[in-house]
Amino acid sequence: MKNIYSFIFLTTLIFIGCNNNNIPIKEVTQVPDQAIENFTVTETVSGKRHWVMEAPSAKIFEEQKKAILISPAIKFYKKGEYLSTLTAEKGSIDMNTYDITGEGKCFLNTAKGENLETTNLKYLSQAQKIVTDEKVKIVQKGNTVYGKGLEATPDLSTITIKNQTTEIW
């Protein structure tokens, strides 16, 4: 009888010791379908450049129809004429809609010398608008405008800023 209790006690200890809660679980990171150096995408409208995006590297995920980008730079054009350049620390492009997301510090510099600074913005390709809900700073012709939230065209000719303050010098 003493041996049966010992057997049950030892079996219980072994069962408790083999509990899966003590086994560390490794995080699985998704492997891209392709990794591309010197990545470039060009969108045209009626045979003319609409925008050209370049990034030193991109990871392509076919199933999600998404490319993850390091240091993307997007040059915008209208009827083939250069408008502006948008840069970000990192970003992504939706290969279905061609919407582009910029993450981290983002800058837009226009051909007219105007500048936009923000973080985490999105270029909506169909609407041809840049949008963000983050803090923004726009410098145009001696004016500095601050706000939180923005919708603008890539050349900053049309801008809607929420919660804005203006500094004129």
N, C-alpha and C. Protein backbone atom coordinates (compact mmCIF):
# COMPACT_ATOMS: atom_id res chain seq x y z
N MET A 1 0.83 -1.18 0.00
CA MET A 1 0.00 0.00 0.00
C MET A 1 0.88 1.26 0.00
N LYS A 2 1.98 1.22 0.74
CA LYS A 2 2.89 2.33 0.80
C LYS A 2 3.49 2.58 -0.58
N ASN A 3 3.77 1.51 -1.35
CA ASN A 3 4.32 1.65 -2.70
C ASN A 3 3.34 2.31 -3.65
N ILE A 4 2.05 2.05 -3.49
CA ILE A 4 1.03 2.66 -4.36
C ILE A 4 0.99 4.17 -4.12
N TYR A 5 1.04 4.61 -2.85
CA TYR A 5 1.04 6.04 -2.55
C TYR A 5 2.30 6.70 -3.08
N SER A 6 3.41 6.04 -2.96
CA SER A 6 4.67 6.58 -3.50
C SER A 6 4.59 6.70 -5.01
N PHE A 7 4.03 5.69 -5.67
CA PHE A 7 3.88 5.70 -7.13
C PHE A 7 2.98 6.86 -7.56
N ILE A 8 1.85 7.03 -6.87
CA ILE A 8 0.93 8.12 -7.20
C ILE A 8 1.59 9.47 -6.97
N PHE A 9 2.32 9.61 -5.87
CA PHE A 9 3.01 10.85 -5.55
C PHE A 9 4.05 11.19 -6.62
N LEU A 10 4.86 10.21 -7.02
CA LEU A 10 5.89 10.44 -8.03
C LEU A 10 5.28 10.75 -9.40
N THR A 11 4.21 10.05 -9.74
CA THR A 11 3.53 10.29 -11.02
C THR A 11 2.97 11.70 -11.05
N THR A 12 2.39 12.16 -9.95
CA THR A 12 1.85 13.52 -9.86
C THR A 12 2.96 14.55 -10.02
N LEU A 13 4.10 14.32 -9.36
CA LEU A 13 5.23 15.25 -9.48
C LEU A 13 5.73 15.32 -10.92
N ILE A 14 5.83 14.19 -11.57
CA ILE A 14 6.28 14.17 -12.97
C ILE A 14 5.28 14.89 -13.85
N PHE A 15 4.00 14.65 -13.65
CA PHE A 15 2.96 15.30 -14.45
C PHE A 15 3.00 16.81 -14.27
N ILE A 16 3.15 17.28 -13.03
CA ILE A 16 3.22 18.71 -12.75
C ILE A 16 4.48 19.31 -13.36
N GLY A 17 5.59 18.59 -13.29
CA GLY A 17 6.86 19.06 -13.84
C GLY A 17 6.83 19.17 -15.36
N CYS A 18 5.98 18.42 -16.02
CA CYS A 18 5.90 18.44 -17.48
C CYS A 18 4.83 19.40 -17.98
N ASN A 19 4.27 20.19 -17.11
CA ASN A 19 3.23 21.14 -17.49
C ASN A 19 3.76 22.11 -18.55
N ASN A 20 3.00 22.36 -19.60
CA ASN A 20 3.42 23.21 -20.70
C ASN A 20 3.58 24.68 -20.31
N ASN A 21 3.08 25.09 -19.16
CA ASN A 21 3.20 26.50 -18.76
C ASN A 21 4.64 26.91 -18.54
N ASN A 22 5.52 25.97 -18.30
CA ASN A 22 6.91 26.28 -18.03
C ASN A 22 7.75 26.33 -19.31
N ILE A 23 7.20 25.95 -20.43
CA ILE A 23 7.94 25.92 -21.68
C ILE A 23 7.78 27.28 -22.36
N PRO A 24 8.92 27.97 -22.61
CA PRO A 24 8.81 29.28 -23.26
C PRO A 24 8.31 29.12 -24.70
N ILE A 25 7.44 30.05 -25.10
CA ILE A 25 6.88 30.03 -26.44
C ILE A 25 7.62 31.08 -27.26
N LYS A 26 8.18 30.67 -28.38
CA LYS A 26 8.89 31.60 -29.25
C LYS A 26 7.88 32.32 -30.14
N GLU A 27 8.11 33.62 -30.29
CA GLU A 27 7.25 34.41 -31.17
C GLU A 27 7.62 34.09 -32.62
N VAL A 28 6.64 33.85 -33.43
CA VAL A 28 6.87 33.52 -34.83
C VAL A 28 6.75 34.81 -35.64
N THR A 29 7.81 35.15 -36.36
CA THR A 29 7.76 36.31 -37.24
C THR A 29 7.54 35.82 -38.65
N GLN A 30 6.71 36.54 -39.36
CA GLN A 30 6.36 36.14 -40.71
C GLN A 30 7.53 36.41 -41.66
N VAL A 31 7.81 35.45 -42.49
CA VAL A 31 8.88 35.57 -43.47
C VAL A 31 8.29 36.12 -44.77
N PRO A 32 8.91 37.16 -45.33
CA PRO A 32 8.36 37.73 -46.58
C PRO A 32 8.52 36.75 -47.74
N ASP A 33 7.66 36.91 -48.74
CA ASP A 33 7.76 36.11 -49.95
C ASP A 33 8.95 36.55 -50.80
N GLN A 34 9.24 37.85 -50.73
CA GLN A 34 10.37 38.40 -51.47
C GLN A 34 11.01 39.51 -50.65
N ALA A 35 12.30 39.67 -50.81
CA ALA A 35 13.02 40.82 -50.25
C ALA A 35 13.72 41.49 -51.43
N ILE A 36 13.48 42.79 -51.60
CA ILE A 36 13.99 43.49 -52.77
C ILE A 36 14.84 44.68 -52.31
N GLU A 37 16.01 44.82 -52.90
CA GLU A 37 16.86 45.98 -52.67
C GLU A 37 16.59 46.99 -53.79
N ASN A 38 16.71 48.27 -53.50
CA ASN A 38 16.46 49.33 -54.48
C ASN A 38 15.08 49.17 -55.12
N PHE A 39 14.07 49.13 -54.26
CA PHE A 39 12.68 48.93 -54.67
C PHE A 39 12.12 50.22 -55.27
N THR A 40 11.45 50.12 -56.42
CA THR A 40 10.83 51.27 -57.07
C THR A 40 9.46 50.88 -57.62
N VAL A 41 8.46 51.74 -57.38
CA VAL A 41 7.13 51.56 -57.94
C VAL A 41 6.73 52.89 -58.59
N THR A 42 6.20 52.83 -59.79
CA THR A 42 5.74 54.03 -60.49
C THR A 42 4.27 53.88 -60.82
N GLU A 43 3.48 54.91 -60.48
CA GLU A 43 2.07 54.92 -60.88
C GLU A 43 1.92 55.99 -61.94
N THR A 44 1.26 55.62 -63.03
CA THR A 44 1.04 56.56 -64.12
C THR A 44 -0.46 56.79 -64.32
N VAL A 45 -0.78 57.98 -64.86
CA VAL A 45 -2.15 58.31 -65.21
C VAL A 45 -2.08 58.84 -66.64
N SER A 46 -2.79 58.20 -67.53
CA SER A 46 -2.79 58.56 -68.96
C SER A 46 -1.36 58.63 -69.52
N GLY A 47 -0.53 57.70 -69.09
CA GLY A 47 0.84 57.61 -69.60
C GLY A 47 1.82 58.57 -68.96
N LYS A 48 1.37 59.40 -68.00
CA LYS A 48 2.27 60.34 -67.33
C LYS A 48 2.46 59.92 -65.87
N ARG A 49 3.67 60.17 -65.37
CA ARG A 49 3.96 59.82 -63.97
C ARG A 49 3.01 60.54 -63.04
N HIS A 50 2.44 59.78 -62.12
CA HIS A 50 1.60 60.36 -61.07
C HIS A 50 2.42 60.40 -59.77
N TRP A 51 3.09 59.31 -59.47
CA TRP A 51 4.06 59.27 -58.39
C TRP A 51 5.06 58.16 -58.61
N VAL A 52 6.24 58.34 -58.03
CA VAL A 52 7.31 57.34 -58.08
C VAL A 52 7.78 57.15 -56.65
N MET A 53 7.75 55.91 -56.20
CA MET A 53 8.21 55.61 -54.84
C MET A 53 9.47 54.77 -54.92
N GLU A 54 10.47 55.18 -54.15
CA GLU A 54 11.72 54.43 -54.07
C GLU A 54 12.01 54.14 -52.61
N ALA A 55 12.60 52.97 -52.36
CA ALA A 55 13.03 52.60 -51.01
C ALA A 55 14.28 51.73 -51.13
N PRO A 56 15.23 51.91 -50.22
CA PRO A 56 16.44 51.08 -50.26
C PRO A 56 16.15 49.59 -50.16
N SER A 57 15.08 49.24 -49.42
CA SER A 57 14.70 47.83 -49.34
C SER A 57 13.22 47.69 -49.06
N ALA A 58 12.70 46.55 -49.50
CA ALA A 58 11.27 46.25 -49.30
C ALA A 58 11.11 44.77 -49.05
N LYS A 59 10.15 44.44 -48.21
CA LYS A 59 9.77 43.05 -47.97
C LYS A 59 8.35 42.89 -48.50
N ILE A 60 8.17 41.95 -49.41
CA ILE A 60 6.90 41.75 -50.07
C ILE A 60 6.17 40.57 -49.43
N PHE A 61 4.91 40.79 -49.05
CA PHE A 61 4.06 39.76 -48.50
C PHE A 61 2.90 39.57 -49.47
N GLU A 62 3.01 38.54 -50.30
CA GLU A 62 2.05 38.30 -51.39
C GLU A 62 0.62 38.11 -50.88
N GLU A 63 0.45 37.29 -49.83
CA GLU A 63 -0.89 36.97 -49.35
C GLU A 63 -1.62 38.22 -48.86
N GLN A 64 -0.90 39.10 -48.17
CA GLN A 64 -1.51 40.34 -47.67
C GLN A 64 -1.51 41.44 -48.73
N LYS A 65 -0.86 41.22 -49.86
CA LYS A 65 -0.75 42.23 -50.91
C LYS A 65 -0.17 43.52 -50.34
N LYS A 66 0.97 43.37 -49.61
CA LYS A 66 1.56 44.49 -48.91
C LYS A 66 3.08 44.42 -49.03
N ALA A 67 3.69 45.60 -49.13
CA ALA A 67 5.15 45.70 -49.11
C ALA A 67 5.54 46.58 -47.92
N ILE A 68 6.47 46.10 -47.11
CA ILE A 68 6.99 46.85 -45.98
C ILE A 68 8.28 47.52 -46.44
N LEU A 69 8.41 48.83 -46.21
CA LEU A 69 9.49 49.62 -46.78
C LEU A 69 10.38 50.26 -45.72
N ILE A 70 11.65 50.36 -46.02
CA ILE A 70 12.59 51.09 -45.18
C ILE A 70 12.91 52.40 -45.89
N SER A 71 12.78 53.52 -45.20
CA SER A 71 13.09 54.86 -45.71
C SER A 71 12.49 55.16 -47.09
N PRO A 72 11.17 55.02 -47.24
CA PRO A 72 10.58 55.32 -48.55
C PRO A 72 10.61 56.81 -48.88
N ALA A 73 10.73 57.12 -50.17
CA ALA A 73 10.63 58.49 -50.68
C ALA A 73 9.69 58.44 -51.87
N ILE A 74 8.65 59.26 -51.83
CA ILE A 74 7.65 59.28 -52.89
C ILE A 74 7.68 60.66 -53.55
N LYS A 75 7.92 60.68 -54.84
CA LYS A 75 7.89 61.92 -55.61
C LYS A 75 6.54 61.99 -56.32
N PHE A 76 5.82 63.10 -56.09
CA PHE A 76 4.50 63.29 -56.69
C PHE A 76 4.61 64.20 -57.91
N TYR A 77 3.77 63.89 -58.90
CA TYR A 77 3.74 64.65 -60.15
C TYR A 77 2.29 64.97 -60.50
N LYS A 78 2.09 66.04 -61.26
CA LYS A 78 0.77 66.35 -61.80
C LYS A 78 0.97 66.67 -63.27
N LYS A 79 0.31 65.90 -64.12
CA LYS A 79 0.47 66.03 -65.57
C LYS A 79 1.95 65.97 -65.96
N GLY A 80 2.70 65.12 -65.25
CA GLY A 80 4.12 64.92 -65.55
C GLY A 80 5.06 65.91 -64.91
N GLU A 81 4.53 66.97 -64.26
CA GLU A 81 5.38 67.98 -63.63
C GLU A 81 5.56 67.68 -62.14
N TYR A 82 6.79 67.81 -61.66
CA TYR A 82 7.13 67.51 -60.27
C TYR A 82 6.40 68.45 -59.30
N LEU A 83 5.78 67.87 -58.24
CA LEU A 83 5.07 68.64 -57.22
C LEU A 83 5.80 68.65 -55.88
N SER A 84 6.16 67.44 -55.40
CA SER A 84 6.70 67.34 -54.05
C SER A 84 7.33 65.98 -53.81
N THR A 85 8.04 65.89 -52.67
CA THR A 85 8.62 64.61 -52.24
C THR A 85 8.22 64.36 -50.79
N LEU A 86 7.72 63.19 -50.54
CA LEU A 86 7.35 62.74 -49.20
C LEU A 86 8.35 61.68 -48.76
N THR A 87 8.94 61.87 -47.57
CA THR A 87 9.87 60.87 -47.03
C THR A 87 9.39 60.43 -45.64
N ALA A 88 9.73 59.20 -45.29
CA ALA A 88 9.35 58.65 -43.98
C ALA A 88 10.46 57.71 -43.51
N GLU A 89 10.48 57.46 -42.20
CA GLU A 89 11.47 56.53 -41.65
C GLU A 89 11.23 55.12 -42.15
N LYS A 90 9.97 54.73 -42.17
CA LYS A 90 9.58 53.43 -42.71
C LYS A 90 8.15 53.56 -43.21
N GLY A 91 7.67 52.52 -43.87
CA GLY A 91 6.32 52.61 -44.38
C GLY A 91 5.86 51.32 -45.02
N SER A 92 4.73 51.41 -45.70
CA SER A 92 4.18 50.25 -46.39
C SER A 92 3.33 50.73 -47.55
N ILE A 93 3.11 49.83 -48.49
CA ILE A 93 2.23 50.11 -49.61
C ILE A 93 1.27 48.95 -49.77
N ASP A 94 0.00 49.28 -49.89
CA ASP A 94 -1.04 48.29 -50.15
C ASP A 94 -1.04 48.06 -51.66
N MET A 95 -0.68 46.85 -52.08
CA MET A 95 -0.53 46.57 -53.51
C MET A 95 -1.87 46.47 -54.25
N ASN A 96 -2.98 46.45 -53.53
CA ASN A 96 -4.31 46.49 -54.17
C ASN A 96 -4.75 47.91 -54.46
N THR A 97 -4.63 48.79 -53.46
CA THR A 97 -5.14 50.15 -53.58
C THR A 97 -4.05 51.17 -53.90
N TYR A 98 -2.79 50.80 -53.69
CA TYR A 98 -1.64 51.68 -53.81
C TYR A 98 -1.66 52.81 -52.79
N ASP A 99 -2.41 52.61 -51.69
CA ASP A 99 -2.33 53.53 -50.57
C ASP A 99 -0.96 53.32 -49.91
N ILE A 100 -0.34 54.41 -49.51
CA ILE A 100 1.00 54.36 -48.92
C ILE A 100 0.93 54.90 -47.50
N THR A 101 1.49 54.16 -46.57
CA THR A 101 1.54 54.58 -45.17
C THR A 101 2.98 54.93 -44.82
N GLY A 102 3.17 56.10 -44.22
CA GLY A 102 4.48 56.51 -43.71
C GLY A 102 4.45 56.41 -42.19
N GLU A 103 5.49 55.82 -41.62
CA GLU A 103 5.56 55.66 -40.17
C GLU A 103 6.81 56.36 -39.64
N GLY A 104 6.73 56.80 -38.39
CA GLY A 104 7.83 57.55 -37.80
C GLY A 104 7.79 58.98 -38.30
N LYS A 105 8.94 59.64 -38.30
CA LYS A 105 9.01 61.03 -38.78
C LYS A 105 8.76 61.06 -40.28
N CYS A 106 7.85 61.96 -40.69
CA CYS A 106 7.49 62.11 -42.10
C CYS A 106 7.64 63.57 -42.51
N PHE A 107 8.18 63.79 -43.70
CA PHE A 107 8.39 65.13 -44.23
C PHE A 107 7.88 65.20 -45.65
N LEU A 108 7.23 66.32 -45.98
CA LEU A 108 6.81 66.58 -47.35
C LEU A 108 7.40 67.93 -47.73
N ASN A 109 8.16 67.97 -48.82
CA ASN A 109 8.77 69.20 -49.31
C ASN A 109 8.26 69.43 -50.73
N THR A 110 7.66 70.61 -50.96
CA THR A 110 7.07 70.89 -52.27
C THR A 110 8.08 71.61 -53.18
N ALA A 111 7.76 71.63 -54.46
CA ALA A 111 8.58 72.34 -55.44
C ALA A 111 8.57 73.85 -55.17
N LYS A 112 7.54 74.34 -54.47
CA LYS A 112 7.42 75.77 -54.14
C LYS A 112 8.15 76.12 -52.84
N GLY A 113 8.82 75.16 -52.22
CA GLY A 113 9.58 75.42 -51.00
C GLY A 113 8.77 75.33 -49.72
N GLU A 114 7.59 74.77 -49.77
CA GLU A 114 6.76 74.60 -48.58
C GLU A 114 7.10 73.25 -47.93
N ASN A 115 6.90 73.20 -46.61
CA ASN A 115 7.27 71.99 -45.88
C ASN A 115 6.18 71.55 -44.91
N LEU A 116 6.02 70.24 -44.81
CA LEU A 116 5.11 69.62 -43.84
C LEU A 116 5.93 68.64 -43.01
N GLU A 117 5.75 68.71 -41.69
CA GLU A 117 6.37 67.75 -40.79
C GLU A 117 5.29 67.11 -39.94
N THR A 118 5.33 65.78 -39.80
CA THR A 118 4.37 65.06 -38.98
C THR A 118 4.91 63.66 -38.71
N THR A 119 4.07 62.85 -38.12
CA THR A 119 4.39 61.43 -37.96
C THR A 119 3.18 60.63 -38.43
N ASN A 120 3.45 59.42 -38.86
CA ASN A 120 2.40 58.45 -39.18
C ASN A 120 1.29 59.03 -40.05
N LEU A 121 1.57 59.16 -41.32
CA LEU A 121 0.57 59.66 -42.26
C LEU A 121 0.23 58.60 -43.29
N LYS A 122 -0.74 58.92 -44.12
CA LYS A 122 -1.16 58.00 -45.17
C LYS A 122 -1.46 58.79 -46.43
N TYR A 123 -1.01 58.26 -47.57
CA TYR A 123 -1.38 58.82 -48.86
C TYR A 123 -2.47 57.93 -49.43
N LEU A 124 -3.64 58.50 -49.64
CA LEU A 124 -4.77 57.77 -50.20
C LEU A 124 -4.74 57.96 -51.72
N SER A 125 -4.34 56.93 -52.42
CA SER A 125 -4.09 57.02 -53.85
C SER A 125 -5.33 57.40 -54.65
N GLN A 126 -6.46 56.79 -54.35
CA GLN A 126 -7.69 57.08 -55.11
C GLN A 126 -8.12 58.54 -54.93
N ALA A 127 -8.05 59.04 -53.70
CA ALA A 127 -8.46 60.42 -53.41
C ALA A 127 -7.35 61.43 -53.70
N GLN A 128 -6.11 60.93 -53.86
CA GLN A 128 -4.93 61.77 -54.06
C GLN A 128 -4.77 62.78 -52.93
N LYS A 129 -4.89 62.27 -51.69
CA LYS A 129 -4.80 63.10 -50.49
C LYS A 129 -3.82 62.48 -49.49
N ILE A 130 -3.18 63.35 -48.74
CA ILE A 130 -2.34 62.95 -47.62
C ILE A 130 -3.14 63.23 -46.37
N VAL A 131 -3.23 62.24 -45.46
CA VAL A 131 -4.02 62.40 -44.25
C VAL A 131 -3.23 61.92 -43.03
N THR A 132 -3.51 62.55 -41.89
CA THR A 132 -2.96 62.12 -40.61
C THR A 132 -3.85 62.64 -39.49
N ASP A 133 -3.82 61.96 -38.37
CA ASP A 133 -4.49 62.43 -37.16
C ASP A 133 -3.46 62.92 -36.14
N GLU A 134 -2.20 62.94 -36.53
CA GLU A 134 -1.11 63.33 -35.64
C GLU A 134 -0.88 64.84 -35.68
N LYS A 135 0.04 65.32 -34.82
CA LYS A 135 0.43 66.73 -34.83
C LYS A 135 1.13 67.04 -36.14
N VAL A 136 0.88 68.24 -36.67
CA VAL A 136 1.49 68.66 -37.92
C VAL A 136 2.10 70.06 -37.78
N LYS A 137 3.10 70.31 -38.61
CA LYS A 137 3.69 71.64 -38.72
C LYS A 137 3.88 71.90 -40.21
N ILE A 138 3.33 73.02 -40.68
CA ILE A 138 3.45 73.40 -42.09
C ILE A 138 4.09 74.78 -42.15
N VAL A 139 5.13 74.89 -42.96
CA VAL A 139 5.79 76.17 -43.18
C VAL A 139 5.56 76.56 -44.63
N GLN A 140 4.88 77.73 -44.82
CA GLN A 140 4.54 78.25 -46.14
C GLN A 140 4.75 79.76 -46.15
N LYS A 141 5.55 80.26 -47.05
CA LYS A 141 5.68 81.71 -47.31
C LYS A 141 5.66 82.56 -46.04
N GLY A 142 6.56 82.31 -45.12
CA GLY A 142 6.66 83.11 -43.92
C GLY A 142 5.64 82.80 -42.84
N ASN A 143 4.81 81.80 -43.03
CA ASN A 143 3.83 81.39 -42.02
C ASN A 143 4.15 79.98 -41.55
N THR A 144 3.95 79.77 -40.26
CA THR A 144 4.07 78.43 -39.71
C THR A 144 2.73 78.09 -39.08
N VAL A 145 2.16 76.98 -39.51
CA VAL A 145 0.86 76.55 -39.01
C VAL A 145 1.06 75.23 -38.27
N TYR A 146 0.51 75.16 -37.06
CA TYR A 146 0.56 73.94 -36.26
C TYR A 146 -0.86 73.42 -36.10
N GLY A 147 -1.00 72.16 -35.96
CA GLY A 147 -2.32 71.59 -35.73
C GLY A 147 -2.22 70.12 -35.39
N LYS A 148 -3.37 69.53 -35.26
CA LYS A 148 -3.45 68.09 -35.02
C LYS A 148 -4.52 67.56 -35.95
N GLY A 149 -4.09 66.75 -36.91
CA GLY A 149 -4.98 66.22 -37.92
C GLY A 149 -4.88 67.04 -39.18
N LEU A 150 -4.79 66.36 -40.33
CA LEU A 150 -4.59 67.06 -41.59
C LEU A 150 -5.13 66.23 -42.75
N GLU A 151 -5.62 66.94 -43.75
CA GLU A 151 -5.93 66.37 -45.06
C GLU A 151 -5.42 67.38 -46.06
N ALA A 152 -4.55 66.93 -47.00
CA ALA A 152 -3.94 67.87 -47.94
C ALA A 152 -3.64 67.18 -49.27
N THR A 153 -3.50 68.00 -50.30
CA THR A 153 -3.03 67.50 -51.59
C THR A 153 -1.50 67.41 -51.51
N PRO A 154 -0.87 66.59 -52.34
CA PRO A 154 0.58 66.43 -52.27
C PRO A 154 1.38 67.70 -52.54
N ASP A 155 0.80 68.70 -53.20
CA ASP A 155 1.51 69.97 -53.43
C ASP A 155 1.16 71.03 -52.38
N LEU A 156 0.36 70.66 -51.40
CA LEU A 156 -0.10 71.53 -50.31
C LEU A 156 -0.90 72.74 -50.83
N SER A 157 -1.49 72.63 -52.02
CA SER A 157 -2.33 73.71 -52.52
C SER A 157 -3.68 73.73 -51.82
N THR A 158 -4.13 72.59 -51.33
CA THR A 158 -5.37 72.50 -50.56
C THR A 158 -5.05 71.78 -49.25
N ILE A 159 -5.32 72.46 -48.13
CA ILE A 159 -4.99 71.90 -46.82
C ILE A 159 -6.16 72.11 -45.88
N THR A 160 -6.52 71.07 -45.15
CA THR A 160 -7.47 71.18 -44.05
C THR A 160 -6.75 70.70 -42.80
N ILE A 161 -6.63 71.61 -41.81
CA ILE A 161 -5.96 71.27 -40.55
C ILE A 161 -6.97 71.43 -39.42
N LYS A 162 -7.01 70.42 -38.57
CA LYS A 162 -7.87 70.49 -37.39
C LYS A 162 -7.06 71.07 -36.24
N ASN A 163 -7.71 71.71 -35.30
CA ASN A 163 -7.06 72.25 -34.09
C ASN A 163 -5.78 73.01 -34.43
N GLN A 164 -5.89 74.07 -35.20
CA GLN A 164 -4.70 74.76 -35.68
C GLN A 164 -4.38 76.03 -34.92
N THR A 165 -3.09 76.39 -34.94
CA THR A 165 -2.59 77.67 -34.49
C THR A 165 -1.62 78.15 -35.57
N THR A 166 -1.53 79.47 -35.76
CA THR A 166 -0.69 80.02 -36.81
C THR A 166 0.32 81.00 -36.23
N GLU A 167 1.53 80.93 -36.74
CA GLU A 167 2.59 81.84 -36.33
C GLU A 167 3.03 82.61 -37.59
N ILE A 168 2.87 83.94 -37.58
CA ILE A 168 3.24 84.75 -38.73
C ILE A 168 4.47 85.56 -38.37
N TRP A 169 5.49 85.52 -39.27
CA TRP A 169 6.72 86.28 -39.02
C TRP A 169 7.12 87.09 -40.18
